[in-house]
Structures are given as structure tokens and as C-alpha cells.
Amino acid sequence: MFLRRRLPLIAASGLLLGALAVPRPVHAGDAAAGADVFRSECSECHSIREGRNKKGPSLFGIVGRHAGALPDYHYSDALRRADWTWTPEKLRWYLAQPARQANPGTKMKYDGLDDAEQRDDLISFLGTVR
């Protein structure tokens, strides 16, 4: 009898504890924090304005764009030959390592972004730049 009366309470406690144990969704970034990451990590060489290239190409609309595809930017042969699209997963992979390791022969001089949360935030921000 005692257990039967307490069973709903025990079940509810288990559900609550289970909900608290759920980790942050994988690859869920904060676009506002990503804007700060962009300013500190990328803005010296890249712009987010459409058609505004700097040392590197504009990152306006980068998410979903084929690599080396801007007609008004002179890409390295290595990036022009890269047969990929800048998906969030590809950006995550690329930014997690030195650019010259990700795409040997690239002109980009970047050592990579070690902090996974900052990468996710940056990619979330880049996804809003359209």
C-alpha cells in the first residue's frame, strides 16, 4: 500500500531527474555570441557584407555556398578545387583545425578555433548572415 501511494511521486522524480540530465543540444550555437567570435577571430580578413572582400572572401551567405564560388574573389587553386559546400558540419570540421591542414595549399592563414562552443556560436552567427 505504501509503495503504491508513493509510485506516482517516485515516477515524477525520475522524470524530473532525467530532464535535468539532458545535455545541451549538440551544435546549438548562440548567434549573438557568435558575432563576438566573428569580430575577434575573422573580421580582420573577412567581411560579412555582401560583395565586400578583404584579404579573404566575404562570408555573406557562406552557409550553403559551394567552396571557392564567389566570382569576384581570387581563391587559391586548392580551394577552387575543393568539392564541398559550406554546411554547418563542414564549417565545424574546417574551423576545428589549421586551415592549411583542412585544405592543403590554401592561402588562408588560420590556426583553427579550439573552443567547440565558440565554433558553434560562430557557425550559428554565420547562418544568419544573408
Protein backbone atom coordinates (compact mmCIF):
# COMPACT_ATOMS: atom_id res chain seq x y z
CA MET A 1 0.00 0.00 0.00
CA PHE A 2 2.77 2.42 0.94
CA LEU A 3 4.65 1.84 -2.31
CA ARG A 4 1.50 2.15 -4.38
CA ARG A 5 0.75 5.58 -2.91
CA ARG A 6 4.34 6.73 -3.49
CA LEU A 7 4.74 5.33 -7.01
CA PRO A 8 3.48 8.48 -8.81
CA LEU A 9 5.87 10.61 -6.73
CA ILE A 10 8.78 8.28 -7.49
CA ALA A 11 7.93 8.29 -11.21
CA ALA A 12 7.67 12.09 -11.31
CA SER A 13 11.02 12.40 -9.52
CA GLY A 14 12.63 10.11 -12.06
CA LEU A 15 11.26 12.15 -14.97
CA LEU A 16 12.48 15.37 -13.40
CA LEU A 17 15.98 14.00 -12.80
CA GLY A 18 16.07 12.63 -16.34
CA ALA A 19 15.13 16.01 -17.78
CA LEU A 20 17.86 17.73 -15.77
CA ALA A 21 20.46 15.28 -17.07
CA VAL A 22 19.76 16.07 -20.75
CA PRO A 23 22.85 17.78 -22.18
CA ARG A 24 22.78 20.98 -24.22
CA PRO A 25 21.75 20.14 -27.79
CA VAL A 26 24.77 19.25 -29.86
CA HIS A 27 25.90 22.08 -32.15
CA ALA A 28 23.34 24.56 -30.87
CA GLY A 29 25.06 27.89 -31.06
CA ASP A 30 24.29 31.36 -29.82
CA ALA A 31 24.32 33.73 -32.81
CA ALA A 32 24.82 36.83 -30.63
CA ALA A 33 27.89 35.28 -29.02
CA GLY A 34 28.99 34.17 -32.50
CA ALA A 35 29.02 37.80 -33.65
CA ASP A 36 31.62 38.47 -30.96
CA VAL A 37 33.63 35.42 -32.07
CA PHE A 38 33.47 36.68 -35.66
CA ARG A 39 34.78 40.11 -34.62
CA SER A 40 37.69 38.63 -32.68
CA GLU A 41 38.59 35.70 -34.95
CA CYS A 42 37.53 36.52 -38.51
CA SER A 43 36.86 40.19 -39.15
CA GLU A 44 40.48 41.16 -39.79
CA CYS A 45 40.41 39.14 -43.01
CA HIS A 46 36.69 38.64 -43.78
CA SER A 47 33.66 40.87 -44.12
CA ILE A 48 30.04 39.85 -43.67
CA ARG A 49 28.85 42.47 -46.15
CA GLU A 50 27.70 41.10 -49.48
CA GLY A 51 30.29 41.79 -52.19
CA ARG A 52 32.88 43.17 -49.73
CA ASN A 53 36.02 41.07 -49.88
CA LYS A 54 39.07 41.77 -47.77
CA LYS A 55 42.16 39.53 -47.57
CA GLY A 56 39.62 36.73 -47.58
CA PRO A 57 36.28 36.48 -49.36
CA SER A 58 33.06 37.91 -47.97
CA LEU A 59 31.32 35.46 -45.66
CA PHE A 60 27.90 36.82 -46.55
CA GLY A 61 25.77 33.75 -47.34
CA ILE A 62 28.64 31.34 -46.64
CA VAL A 63 26.40 28.66 -45.13
CA GLY A 64 25.11 26.67 -48.09
CA ARG A 65 27.57 28.14 -50.60
CA HIS A 66 29.92 25.95 -52.62
CA ALA A 67 33.59 26.42 -51.70
CA GLY A 68 35.51 28.82 -53.93
CA ALA A 69 32.35 30.07 -55.62
CA LEU A 70 32.41 33.87 -55.33
CA PRO A 71 33.13 35.19 -58.82
CA ASP A 72 34.80 38.39 -57.58
CA TYR A 73 37.38 36.77 -55.29
CA HIS A 74 40.67 35.17 -56.35
CA TYR A 75 40.74 31.87 -54.44
CA SER A 76 43.73 29.57 -54.12
CA ASP A 77 43.79 26.66 -56.53
CA ALA A 78 43.32 24.38 -53.51
CA LEU A 79 40.04 25.99 -52.53
CA ARG A 80 38.77 26.29 -56.09
CA ARG A 81 39.33 22.53 -56.44
CA ALA A 82 37.64 21.76 -53.10
CA ASP A 83 34.47 19.95 -53.97
CA TRP A 84 32.35 20.77 -50.96
CA THR A 85 29.60 23.05 -49.76
CA TRP A 86 29.97 25.11 -46.61
CA THR A 87 27.43 23.31 -44.46
CA PRO A 88 27.47 23.80 -40.68
CA GLU A 89 29.16 20.40 -40.38
CA LYS A 90 31.82 21.29 -42.96
CA LEU A 91 32.47 24.65 -41.29
CA ARG A 92 32.76 22.92 -37.90
CA TRP A 93 35.32 20.48 -39.35
CA TYR A 94 37.24 23.20 -41.19
CA LEU A 95 37.41 25.64 -38.29
CA ALA A 96 38.49 22.98 -35.79
CA GLN A 97 41.94 22.69 -37.37
CA PRO A 98 44.54 24.84 -39.07
CA ALA A 99 43.27 25.93 -42.50
CA ARG A 100 46.40 24.57 -44.18
CA GLN A 101 45.67 21.16 -42.72
CA ALA A 102 42.00 21.24 -43.72
CA ASN A 103 42.78 22.42 -47.25
CA PRO A 104 46.47 21.97 -48.12
CA GLY A 105 47.59 24.72 -50.46
CA THR A 106 45.10 27.29 -49.21
CA LYS A 107 46.08 30.95 -48.85
CA MET A 108 44.21 31.22 -45.56
CA LYS A 109 46.46 31.60 -42.55
CA TYR A 110 44.35 30.47 -39.63
CA ASP A 111 45.31 28.12 -36.80
CA GLY A 112 41.78 26.96 -36.07
CA LEU A 113 39.31 27.58 -33.27
CA ASP A 114 39.84 25.12 -30.43
CA ASP A 115 36.76 26.01 -28.39
CA ALA A 116 33.82 23.91 -29.66
CA GLU A 117 31.22 26.23 -28.12
CA GLN A 118 32.76 29.25 -29.84
CA ARG A 119 32.78 27.32 -33.15
CA ASP A 120 29.08 26.52 -32.72
CA ASP A 121 28.33 30.13 -31.84
CA LEU A 122 30.27 31.39 -34.87
CA ILE A 123 28.56 28.97 -37.24
CA SER A 124 25.17 29.93 -35.81
CA PHE A 125 26.02 33.60 -36.45
CA LEU A 126 27.27 32.91 -39.98
CA GLY A 127 23.97 31.15 -40.68
CA THR A 128 22.16 34.42 -40.01
CA VAL A 129 24.30 36.46 -42.39
CA ARG A 130 22.10 36.57 -45.51
